[in-house]
Protein backbone atom coordinates (compact mmCIF):
# COMPACT_ATOMS: atom_id res chain seq x y z
CA UNK A 1 0.01 0.04 0.01
CA UNK A 2 2.89 2.40 0.76
CA UNK A 3 4.54 1.68 -2.55
CA UNK A 4 1.29 2.35 -4.36
CA UNK A 5 0.79 5.60 -2.38
CA UNK A 6 4.28 6.87 -3.34
CA UNK A 7 3.43 6.00 -7.02
CA UNK A 8 0.15 7.85 -6.91
CA UNK A 9 1.74 10.97 -5.40
CA UNK A 10 4.65 11.13 -7.93
CA UNK A 11 3.07 9.95 -11.14
CA UNK A 12 1.99 13.25 -12.68
CA UNK A 13 5.30 14.89 -11.69
CA UNK A 14 7.49 12.09 -13.09
CA UNK A 15 5.53 11.81 -16.32
CA UNK A 16 5.33 15.51 -16.92
CA UNK A 17 8.79 16.61 -15.85
CA UNK A 18 10.95 13.45 -15.67
CA UNK A 19 13.82 12.53 -17.87
CA UNK A 20 13.57 9.30 -19.88
CA UNK A 21 15.70 7.55 -17.27
CA UNK A 22 13.38 8.77 -14.44
CA UNK A 23 10.33 7.70 -16.33
CA UNK A 24 11.92 4.23 -17.02
CA UNK A 25 12.70 3.68 -13.28
CA UNK A 26 9.18 4.97 -12.34
CA UNK A 27 7.38 2.45 -14.76
CA UNK A 28 9.65 -0.25 -13.63
CA UNK A 29 8.68 0.31 -10.00
CA UNK A 30 5.12 0.37 -11.05
CA UNK A 31 5.61 -3.10 -12.42
CA UNK A 32 7.44 -4.37 -9.34
CA UNK A 33 4.55 -2.90 -7.11
CA UNK A 34 1.99 -4.64 -9.25
CA UNK A 35 3.71 -8.00 -8.95
CA UNK A 36 3.12 -7.90 -5.24
CA UNK A 37 -0.39 -6.57 -5.58
CA UNK A 38 -1.37 -9.07 -8.16
CA UNK A 39 0.72 -11.98 -6.82
CA UNK A 40 2.36 -12.40 -10.17
CA UNK A 41 -0.89 -12.79 -12.14
CA UNK A 42 0.34 -10.16 -14.43
CA UNK A 43 -2.45 -7.94 -15.85
CA UNK A 44 -2.51 -6.20 -19.18
CA UNK A 45 -2.01 -2.92 -17.42
CA UNK A 46 1.19 -4.21 -15.75
CA UNK A 47 2.54 -5.61 -18.94
CA UNK A 48 1.90 -2.12 -20.59
CA UNK A 49 3.98 -0.43 -17.78
CA UNK A 50 6.78 -2.88 -18.52
CA UNK A 51 6.66 -1.99 -22.12
CA UNK A 52 6.74 1.82 -21.16
CA UNK A 53 9.77 1.13 -19.06
CA UNK A 54 11.64 -0.40 -22.01
CA UNK A 55 10.68 2.38 -24.31
CA UNK A 56 11.74 5.15 -21.93
CA UNK A 57 15.10 3.30 -21.02
CA UNK A 58 15.86 3.00 -24.72
CA UNK A 59 15.27 6.75 -25.01
CA UNK A 60 17.71 7.31 -21.98
CA UNK A 61 20.44 5.29 -23.61
CA UNK A 62 21.58 4.03 -20.17
CA UNK A 63 22.73 0.47 -20.78
CA UNK A 64 22.02 -0.91 -17.31
CA UNK A 65 18.52 0.31 -17.24
CA UNK A 66 17.82 -0.91 -20.70
CA UNK A 67 19.04 -4.35 -19.50
CA UNK A 68 16.87 -4.39 -16.36
CA UNK A 69 13.71 -3.09 -17.99
CA UNK A 70 14.12 -5.61 -20.81
CA UNK A 71 14.50 -8.32 -18.15
CA UNK A 72 11.36 -7.17 -16.44
CA UNK A 73 9.38 -7.26 -19.72
CA UNK A 74 10.49 -10.89 -20.34
CA UNK A 75 9.87 -11.69 -16.71
CA UNK A 76 6.27 -10.28 -16.99
CA UNK A 77 5.69 -12.40 -20.10
CA UNK A 78 6.98 -15.41 -18.23
CA UNK A 79 4.33 -15.05 -15.48
CA UNK A 80 1.68 -14.80 -18.11
CA UNK A 81 2.92 -18.05 -19.62
CA UNK A 82 3.71 -16.28 -22.88
CA UNK A 83 6.78 -18.39 -23.47
CA UNK A 84 8.06 -17.07 -26.88
CA UNK A 85 7.87 -13.40 -25.85
CA UNK A 86 9.50 -14.35 -22.37
CA UNK A 87 12.33 -16.10 -24.25
CA UNK A 88 12.87 -13.13 -26.73
CA UNK A 89 13.18 -10.48 -24.06
CA UNK A 90 15.02 -12.49 -21.51
CA UNK A 91 17.56 -13.64 -24.17
CA UNK A 92 17.93 -9.93 -25.31
CA UNK A 93 18.52 -8.86 -21.62
CA UNK A 94 20.94 -11.66 -21.15
CA UNK A 95 22.93 -10.60 -24.26
CA UNK A 96 23.18 -7.02 -22.91
CA UNK A 97 24.02 -8.03 -19.44
CA UNK A 98 26.97 -10.16 -20.74
CA UNK A 99 28.10 -7.20 -22.92
CA UNK A 100 28.09 -4.62 -20.09
CA UNK A 101 29.29 -7.30 -17.58
CA UNK A 102 26.29 -6.95 -15.29
CA UNK A 103 26.73 -10.12 -13.03
CA UNK A 104 23.51 -9.66 -11.18
CA UNK A 105 21.26 -9.21 -14.30
CA UNK A 106 23.05 -12.13 -15.95
CA UNK A 107 22.02 -14.31 -13.02
CA UNK A 108 18.39 -13.20 -13.29
CA UNK A 109 18.15 -13.90 -16.95
CA UNK A 110 19.81 -17.25 -16.79
CA UNK A 111 17.65 -18.29 -13.84
CA UNK A 112 14.31 -17.40 -15.53
CA UNK A 113 15.36 -18.69 -18.92
CA UNK A 114 15.87 -22.01 -17.11
CA UNK A 115 12.41 -21.70 -15.82
CA UNK A 116 11.03 -21.11 -19.36
CA UNK A 117 12.79 -24.03 -20.77
CA UNK A 118 11.59 -26.15 -17.87
CA UNK A 119 8.09 -25.11 -18.53
CA UNK A 120 8.31 -25.79 -22.29
CA UNK A 121 10.11 -29.10 -21.93
CA UNK A 122 13.17 -27.97 -23.96
CA UNK A 123 15.26 -30.30 -22.04
CA UNK A 124 18.68 -29.73 -23.73
CA UNK A 125 18.22 -25.96 -23.39
CA UNK A 126 16.99 -26.47 -19.71
CA UNK A 127 20.14 -28.47 -18.81
CA UNK A 128 22.51 -26.03 -20.42
CA UNK A 129 20.97 -23.03 -18.75
CA UNK A 130 20.56 -24.74 -15.37
CA UNK A 131 24.39 -25.32 -15.35
CA UNK A 132 25.03 -21.62 -16.48
CA UNK A 133 22.60 -20.27 -14.00
CA UNK A 134 24.09 -22.24 -11.04
CA UNK A 135 27.71 -21.22 -11.96
CA UNK A 136 26.76 -17.54 -12.53
CA UNK A 137 24.88 -17.33 -9.23
CA UNK A 138 27.82 -19.04 -7.36
CA UNK A 139 30.38 -16.59 -9.07
CA UNK A 140 28.30 -13.55 -8.05
CA UNK A 141 27.82 -14.98 -4.57
CA UNK A 142 23.99 -14.83 -5.00
CA UNK A 143 23.16 -17.78 -2.69
CA UNK A 144 19.35 -17.21 -3.20
CA UNK A 145 19.78 -18.00 -6.92
CA UNK A 146 22.04 -21.00 -6.23
CA UNK A 147 19.07 -22.23 -4.32
CA UNK A 148 16.85 -21.56 -7.39
CA UNK A 149 19.14 -23.67 -9.46
CA UNK A 150 18.78 -26.53 -6.94
CA UNK A 151 15.05 -26.14 -7.03
CA UNK A 152 15.17 -26.50 -10.73
CA UNK A 153 17.40 -29.63 -10.53
CA UNK A 154 14.76 -31.12 -8.16
CA UNK A 155 12.22 -30.71 -10.99
CA UNK A 156 14.56 -32.47 -13.40
CA UNK A 157 15.08 -35.45 -11.04
CA UNK A 158 11.21 -35.72 -10.72
CA UNK A 159 10.85 -35.38 -14.59
CA UNK A 160 13.38 -38.35 -14.92
CA UNK A 161 11.33 -40.46 -12.61
CA UNK A 162 13.94 -40.20 -9.89
CA UNK A 163 11.43 -39.61 -7.11
CA UNK A 164 13.46 -40.58 -4.07
CA UNK A 165 16.39 -38.47 -5.35
CA UNK A 166 14.08 -35.55 -5.99
CA UNK A 167 12.78 -35.76 -2.44
CA UNK A 168 16.20 -35.86 -0.95
CA UNK A 169 17.38 -32.91 -3.12
CA UNK A 170 14.23 -30.89 -2.74
CA UNK A 171 13.74 -31.04 1.08
CA UNK A 172 17.47 -30.26 1.49
CA UNK A 173 16.97 -27.24 -0.82
CA UNK A 174 14.02 -26.02 1.12
CA UNK A 175 15.83 -26.18 4.43
CA UNK A 176 18.86 -24.32 2.99
CA UNK A 177 16.65 -21.67 1.28
CA UNK A 178 14.78 -20.94 4.48
CA UNK A 179 18.01 -20.55 6.44
CA UNK A 180 19.23 -17.82 4.09
CA UNK A 181 19.18 -14.19 5.11
CA UNK A 182 16.65 -13.67 2.22
CA UNK A 183 14.96 -16.97 1.17
CA UNK A 184 14.13 -17.55 -2.60
CA UNK A 185 10.54 -16.30 -2.75
CA UNK A 186 9.07 -18.76 -5.33
CA UNK A 187 9.06 -21.92 -3.33
CA UNK A 188 6.48 -23.51 -5.74
CA UNK A 189 9.53 -24.09 -8.05
CA UNK A 190 10.47 -26.98 -5.66
CA UNK A 191 7.19 -27.51 -3.70
CA UNK A 192 5.32 -28.83 -6.89
CA UNK A 193 8.01 -31.39 -7.96
CA UNK A 194 8.15 -32.42 -4.18
CA UNK A 195 4.38 -32.79 -4.13
CA UNK A 196 4.48 -34.98 -7.33
CA UNK A 197 7.41 -37.04 -6.05
CA UNK A 198 5.82 -37.48 -2.71
CA UNK A 199 2.56 -38.64 -4.39
CA UNK A 200 4.48 -41.08 -6.64
CA UNK A 201 6.10 -42.47 -3.54
CA UNK A 202 2.73 -42.95 -1.69
CA UNK A 203 3.65 -40.27 0.89
CA UNK A 204 0.31 -38.39 0.67
CA UNK A 205 0.67 -36.53 3.93
CA UNK A 206 3.91 -34.89 2.68
CA UNK A 207 2.28 -34.09 -0.62
CA UNK A 208 -0.53 -32.31 1.20
CA UNK A 209 1.98 -30.29 3.15
CA UNK A 210 3.54 -29.17 -0.21
CA UNK A 211 0.09 -28.33 -1.60
CA UNK A 212 -0.38 -25.94 1.42
CA UNK A 213 3.01 -24.40 0.73
CA UNK A 214 2.12 -23.49 -2.69
CA UNK A 215 -1.16 -21.87 -1.57
CA UNK A 216 0.58 -19.58 0.95
CA UNK A 217 -0.27 -15.88 0.52
CA UNK A 218 3.46 -15.21 0.11
CA UNK A 219 3.46 -17.32 -3.05
CA UNK A 220 2.45 -16.36 -6.56
CA UNK A 221 -1.29 -17.35 -7.36
CA UNK A 222 -1.84 -20.17 -9.76
CA UNK A 223 -4.48 -20.20 -12.45
CA UNK A 224 -7.89 -20.63 -10.92
CA UNK A 225 -8.53 -24.26 -11.82
CA UNK A 226 -5.12 -25.36 -10.40
CA UNK A 227 -5.44 -23.30 -7.29
CA UNK A 228 -9.00 -24.68 -6.60
CA UNK A 229 -7.75 -28.33 -7.06
CA UNK A 230 -4.94 -27.85 -4.62
CA UNK A 231 -7.44 -26.26 -2.12
CA UNK A 232 -9.78 -29.21 -2.56
CA UNK A 233 -6.90 -31.57 -1.83
CA UNK A 234 -6.11 -29.76 1.27
CA UNK A 235 -9.83 -29.77 2.34
CA UNK A 236 -10.04 -33.44 1.69
CA UNK A 237 -7.03 -33.98 3.95
CA UNK A 238 -8.78 -32.08 6.74
CA UNK A 239 -11.99 -34.27 6.31
CA UNK A 240 -9.84 -37.47 6.29
CA UNK A 241 -11.14 -38.17 2.85
CA UNK A 242 -8.28 -40.38 1.42
CA UNK A 243 -9.75 -41.02 -2.02
CA UNK A 244 -10.54 -37.28 -2.44
CA UNK A 245 -6.85 -36.40 -1.52
CA UNK A 246 -5.52 -38.78 -4.06
CA UNK A 247 -7.88 -37.72 -6.80
CA UNK A 248 -7.27 -33.98 -6.27
CA UNK A 249 -3.52 -34.30 -5.89
CA UNK A 250 -3.35 -36.41 -9.11
CA UNK A 251 -5.49 -33.75 -10.86
CA UNK A 252 -3.25 -31.05 -9.48
CA UNK A 253 -0.14 -32.82 -10.89
CA UNK A 254 -1.86 -33.03 -14.31
CA UNK A 255 -2.98 -29.54 -14.34
CA UNK A 256 0.51 -28.20 -13.17
CA UNK A 257 2.13 -29.97 -16.01
CA UNK A 258 -0.33 -28.68 -18.55
CA UNK A 259 0.04 -25.09 -17.38
CA UNK A 260 3.80 -25.12 -17.25
CA UNK A 261 4.14 -24.98 -13.52
CA UNK A 262 5.51 -28.54 -13.25
């Protein structure tokens, strides 16, 4: 609310008097504010702000801001599951980050390109970018993004049918991430493959706990059908409805795969 209040107070001044760089940063901050308000269900209005940020940063000519606003545009498309547009802008931002030697933006781009290739089952690209993202995060001492790479590796173990290994890796990643000064915010990256692995191993109680974790208010919102199915699985557990739990968890795994979340 405080972020939005600041934006409302400054909008007319920035847009009327601001330099291109100031306008770019203002629009970028509108997007970052909207992510939190919308819980990463990125609206058309938020996407329009991201495009305005790119346009204003290009007018400014400041390479670091062009890189970050382009990343934000690609990141916004990623949350909308617009995979081609996400890839285009994230790759563009990555090329610029490498050219200007911006280590932090490079880590961001590599991490979320890994996510895109995971969602679209481009396995060769996924493996390549997973390795690059982990190494870049380690080199930049960005432990939160090393954790993100480990979360993506957990998904790959599940994808290969190595459910026990996925559980071992995934639960270790969760413990490590939660112990960091700033935990990686998108726990569903690992909670969903853990849910699917738990279910495959017949460990339904653990699967339900991972369903609860994905529904936490701190997490991005899923599309309505997936969110409702996870909620029904949790409700079935509270009613000791074993058949309902299995049915809803299996349906959640199906939907998560169809929608690119698993």
